[in-house]
Amino acid sequence: MPKPGPRRSLSERDLLTAAQQLLAERGASAVSVRGIAARVGVAPNAVYTYFPDRAAVLAALADDVLGRADPDLLDDPALGWRDRIVAFALDLRAALLADPGLVTLVGGVPPLTGPNVLVITERLLGTLAEGGLDRVAAARAAYLLTVHVLGSVALEVAELTEPGPPPPEDERIAARAASFAAIPADAYPRTVAAAATIAENIGTEQFRWGLERILDGLAANPVDRVPAARDAAGP
């Protein structure tokens, strides 16, 4: 009788890779503990050693994709605080667009408290503090910046019709512009006049424009003056 081969070692990375494959092939509903176990050829109990349930798998996937951006950009001593945030936001956007299937997942498993998210949050809060924002304003600003990045990318990804990385940006913008050609100018004159700019809403220029406007507001109002909801409601 032949001797059994060496027992295959299993790692968290193996399981996340399997989950990513299932997500890309069949969508988030296919990502289950049993599905992951079948993909890597182990019993479901082996997966539970690393993840207590499906929600933990999804949270780890979301944290993993966010970890593809370089948090060191937020500490670059050669850049001012605003430029550091812009550099990191552009890097994060590129990382998310490279794997569109994970974008919806990232926005669907709050709160994100994985190790990569915590590193990003800590460094972002530090960068905002260097910009003069107080503790409350920095926390609110970090959330606002996150909404801008994730919301912008989610809207871009929503327009994709094929799986995998998106087509080049100029092609996507051109396709949007062509779709506006049928809008009647007599009924919607302002929309037609602005169509070329609206077509670019999914592009880097619009993304950066919005980011800079947010940073303008933060620089002008570094101290939080918005009363907390419990204070505004009165005793």
Protein backbone atom coordinates (compact mmCIF):
# COMPACT_ATOMS: atom_id res chain seq x y z
CA MET A 1 0.00 0.00 0.00
CA PRO A 2 1.47 3.40 -0.96
CA LYS A 3 2.22 5.78 1.84
CA PRO A 4 0.07 8.93 2.01
CA GLY A 5 1.72 12.07 0.73
CA PRO A 6 2.65 14.95 2.99
CA ARG A 7 -0.28 16.76 4.53
CA ARG A 8 -1.00 19.97 2.72
CA SER A 9 -0.41 23.08 4.79
CA LEU A 10 -3.17 25.67 4.80
CA SER A 11 -2.87 29.37 5.37
CA GLU A 12 -5.22 32.32 5.68
CA ARG A 13 -3.87 33.56 2.35
CA ASP A 14 -4.93 30.29 0.67
CA LEU A 15 -8.45 30.76 1.97
CA LEU A 16 -8.66 34.41 0.94
CA THR A 17 -7.40 33.55 -2.54
CA ALA A 18 -10.10 30.90 -2.84
CA ALA A 19 -12.71 33.39 -1.65
CA GLN A 20 -11.52 35.94 -4.19
CA GLN A 21 -11.81 33.36 -6.95
CA LEU A 22 -15.36 32.48 -5.94
CA LEU A 23 -16.26 36.15 -5.77
CA ALA A 24 -14.86 36.83 -9.25
CA GLU A 25 -16.53 33.79 -10.80
CA ARG A 26 -19.93 33.74 -9.13
CA GLY A 27 -20.39 36.85 -7.00
CA ALA A 28 -20.52 37.51 -3.27
CA SER A 29 -23.34 35.02 -2.68
CA ALA A 30 -20.98 32.19 -3.65
CA VAL A 31 -18.47 33.10 -0.96
CA SER A 32 -19.32 30.69 1.85
CA VAL A 33 -17.32 28.61 4.29
CA ARG A 34 -18.35 25.42 2.50
CA GLY A 35 -17.54 26.89 -0.90
CA ILE A 36 -14.10 28.00 0.21
CA ALA A 37 -13.42 24.62 1.80
CA ALA A 38 -14.39 22.81 -1.38
CA ARG A 39 -12.19 25.09 -3.47
CA VAL A 40 -9.06 24.34 -1.44
CA GLY A 41 -9.95 20.69 -0.80
CA VAL A 42 -10.42 20.67 2.97
CA ALA A 43 -13.26 20.12 5.40
CA PRO A 44 -15.24 23.23 6.47
CA ASN A 45 -13.85 22.87 9.99
CA ALA A 46 -10.41 23.75 8.62
CA VAL A 47 -11.75 27.10 7.41
CA TYR A 48 -13.31 27.79 10.81
CA THR A 49 -9.82 27.58 12.28
CA TYR A 50 -9.10 30.89 10.56
CA PHE A 51 -12.53 32.50 10.19
CA PRO A 52 -15.43 32.02 12.63
CA ASP A 53 -18.09 32.64 9.97
CA ARG A 54 -18.81 33.96 6.49
CA ALA A 55 -19.00 37.56 7.71
CA ALA A 56 -15.43 37.30 8.93
CA VAL A 57 -14.33 36.08 5.49
CA LEU A 58 -16.01 39.02 3.78
CA ALA A 59 -14.49 41.47 6.25
CA ALA A 60 -11.04 39.97 5.64
CA LEU A 61 -11.52 40.25 1.88
CA ALA A 62 -12.47 43.92 2.21
CA ASP A 63 -9.50 44.62 4.45
CA ASP A 64 -7.22 42.77 2.05
CA VAL A 65 -8.13 44.89 -0.95
CA LEU A 66 -7.72 48.11 1.04
CA GLY A 67 -4.29 46.89 2.06
CA ARG A 68 -3.16 47.03 -1.56
CA ALA A 69 -2.80 50.81 -1.28
CA ASP A 70 0.45 52.12 0.19
CA PRO A 71 -0.13 53.75 3.61
CA ASP A 72 3.47 54.99 3.60
CA LEU A 73 2.29 57.69 1.20
CA LEU A 74 0.58 59.31 4.18
CA ASP A 75 3.96 59.65 5.91
CA ASP A 76 6.05 60.91 2.99
CA PRO A 77 8.23 63.69 4.48
CA ALA A 78 8.78 65.20 1.04
CA LEU A 79 5.10 66.14 0.73
CA GLY A 80 2.81 68.47 2.60
CA TRP A 81 -0.20 67.04 4.39
CA ARG A 82 -2.62 67.75 1.54
CA ASP A 83 -0.38 66.24 -1.10
CA ARG A 84 0.07 63.13 1.02
CA ILE A 85 -3.68 62.62 1.22
CA VAL A 86 -4.09 63.17 -2.51
CA ALA A 87 -1.29 60.70 -3.30
CA PHE A 88 -2.78 58.04 -1.04
CA ALA A 89 -6.34 58.57 -2.30
CA LEU A 90 -5.20 58.19 -5.92
CA ASP A 91 -3.27 55.05 -5.01
CA LEU A 92 -6.27 53.57 -3.22
CA ARG A 93 -8.55 54.40 -6.14
CA ALA A 94 -6.19 52.64 -8.54
CA ALA A 95 -6.02 49.56 -6.28
CA LEU A 96 -9.80 49.35 -6.07
CA LEU A 97 -10.34 49.81 -9.80
CA ALA A 98 -7.84 47.03 -10.51
CA ASP A 99 -10.25 44.55 -8.89
CA PRO A 100 -13.79 45.89 -9.44
CA GLY A 101 -15.44 42.75 -8.09
CA LEU A 102 -14.25 43.62 -4.60
CA VAL A 103 -15.41 47.24 -4.61
CA THR A 104 -19.03 46.52 -3.72
CA LEU A 105 -17.81 44.15 -1.04
CA VAL A 106 -15.67 46.84 0.59
CA GLY A 107 -18.70 49.09 1.01
CA GLY A 108 -20.93 46.29 2.21
CA VAL A 109 -19.22 45.04 5.35
CA PRO A 110 -19.01 47.99 7.78
CA PRO A 111 -17.52 48.70 10.14
CA LEU A 112 -14.12 47.96 8.68
CA THR A 113 -11.73 47.28 11.54
CA GLY A 114 -9.17 44.93 10.00
CA PRO A 115 -5.41 45.47 10.42
CA ASN A 116 -4.97 47.27 7.11
CA VAL A 117 -7.89 49.61 7.76
CA LEU A 118 -6.58 50.42 11.23
CA VAL A 119 -3.14 51.31 9.85
CA ILE A 120 -4.70 53.53 7.20
CA THR A 121 -7.02 55.20 9.71
CA GLU A 122 -4.25 55.87 12.21
CA ARG A 123 -1.96 57.41 9.62
CA LEU A 124 -4.73 59.41 7.98
CA LEU A 125 -5.76 60.87 11.34
CA GLY A 126 -2.12 61.79 11.97
CA THR A 127 -1.82 63.49 8.61
CA LEU A 128 -5.00 65.46 9.21
CA ALA A 129 -3.70 66.48 12.64
CA GLU A 130 -0.57 67.81 10.95
CA GLY A 131 -2.89 69.89 8.80
CA GLY A 132 -4.21 71.55 11.96
CA LEU A 133 -7.49 69.65 12.36
CA ASP A 134 -8.63 68.98 15.88
CA ARG A 135 -9.48 65.46 17.03
CA VAL A 136 -13.18 65.57 16.15
CA ALA A 137 -12.69 67.35 12.83
CA ALA A 138 -9.98 64.87 11.86
CA ALA A 139 -12.22 61.90 12.61
CA ARG A 140 -15.08 63.37 10.60
CA ALA A 141 -12.73 64.33 7.79
CA ALA A 142 -11.31 60.80 7.61
CA TYR A 143 -14.82 59.45 7.12
CA LEU A 144 -15.65 62.10 4.53
CA LEU A 145 -12.52 61.27 2.54
CA THR A 146 -13.36 57.57 2.73
CA VAL A 147 -16.85 58.23 1.40
CA HIS A 148 -15.40 60.24 -1.49
CA VAL A 149 -12.99 57.48 -2.49
CA LEU A 150 -15.32 54.52 -2.07
CA GLY A 151 -18.37 56.33 -3.45
CA SER A 152 -16.54 57.58 -6.53
CA VAL A 153 -15.08 54.18 -7.30
CA ALA A 154 -18.40 52.42 -6.69
CA LEU A 155 -20.09 54.67 -9.27
CA GLU A 156 -17.32 53.98 -11.76
CA VAL A 157 -17.56 50.23 -11.24
CA ALA A 158 -21.37 50.30 -11.53
CA GLU A 159 -21.02 51.30 -15.19
CA LEU A 160 -18.79 48.35 -16.11
CA THR A 161 -20.46 45.60 -18.11
CA GLU A 162 -17.63 43.07 -18.26
CA PRO A 163 -15.77 41.33 -15.41
CA GLY A 164 -12.13 42.06 -14.76
CA PRO A 165 -10.17 45.32 -14.80
CA PRO A 166 -11.98 48.21 -16.50
CA PRO A 167 -11.11 49.49 -19.99
CA PRO A 168 -8.78 52.51 -20.20
CA GLU A 169 -10.26 55.65 -18.70
CA ASP A 170 -10.36 57.57 -21.98
CA GLU A 171 -12.40 54.79 -23.59
CA ARG A 172 -14.91 54.77 -20.75
CA ILE A 173 -15.28 58.54 -20.90
CA ALA A 174 -15.75 58.44 -24.68
CA ALA A 175 -18.47 55.80 -24.31
CA ARG A 176 -20.28 57.96 -21.74
CA ALA A 177 -20.04 61.01 -23.99
CA ALA A 178 -21.52 59.05 -26.90
CA SER A 179 -24.46 57.96 -24.74
CA PHE A 180 -25.35 61.60 -24.10
CA ALA A 181 -25.67 62.35 -27.83
CA ALA A 182 -29.32 61.31 -27.85
CA ILE A 183 -30.36 63.80 -25.16
CA PRO A 184 -32.60 66.47 -26.78
CA ALA A 185 -30.99 69.88 -26.41
CA ASP A 186 -34.32 71.71 -26.58
CA ALA A 187 -35.60 69.89 -23.49
CA TYR A 188 -32.35 69.76 -21.52
CA PRO A 189 -30.13 72.58 -22.79
CA ARG A 190 -27.94 72.88 -19.69
CA THR A 191 -27.33 69.15 -19.52
CA VAL A 192 -26.36 68.98 -23.19
CA ALA A 193 -24.07 71.99 -22.83
CA ALA A 194 -22.33 70.33 -19.89
CA ALA A 195 -22.32 66.82 -21.41
CA ALA A 196 -18.58 66.72 -22.11
CA THR A 197 -17.79 67.56 -18.49
CA ILE A 198 -20.44 65.18 -17.13
CA ALA A 199 -18.93 62.39 -19.23
CA GLU A 200 -15.66 62.89 -17.36
CA ASN A 201 -17.28 62.36 -13.95
CA ILE A 202 -15.82 58.85 -13.77
CA GLY A 203 -12.29 60.05 -14.54
CA THR A 204 -9.24 60.88 -12.48
CA GLU A 205 -9.64 64.61 -13.07
CA GLN A 206 -13.11 64.68 -11.49
CA PHE A 207 -11.96 62.44 -8.66
CA ARG A 208 -9.09 64.77 -7.88
CA TRP A 209 -11.28 67.88 -8.28
CA GLY A 210 -13.65 66.61 -5.61
CA LEU A 211 -10.78 65.62 -3.37
CA GLU A 212 -9.19 69.06 -3.60
CA ARG A 213 -12.51 70.78 -2.83
CA ILE A 214 -12.86 68.64 0.29
CA LEU A 215 -9.34 69.51 1.37
CA ASP A 216 -10.01 73.21 0.71
CA GLY A 217 -12.92 73.05 3.14
CA LEU A 218 -10.92 71.17 5.75
CA ALA A 219 -8.04 73.63 5.55
CA ALA A 220 -10.44 76.55 6.00
CA ASN A 221 -12.28 74.90 8.92
CA PRO A 222 -9.76 72.85 10.92
CA VAL A 223 -11.67 73.06 14.19
CA ASP A 224 -14.94 71.16 14.45
CA ARG A 225 -17.83 73.49 15.25
CA VAL A 226 -20.74 71.19 14.47
CA PRO A 227 -22.53 70.24 17.72
CA ALA A 228 -22.91 66.54 18.36
CA ALA A 229 -26.45 65.26 17.84
CA ARG A 230 -26.95 64.65 21.54
CA ASP A 231 -25.95 68.24 22.33
CA ALA A 232 -28.12 69.74 19.59
CA ALA A 233 -31.16 67.86 20.85
CA GLY A 234 -30.97 69.56 24.21
CA PRO A 235 -31.40 68.05 27.67
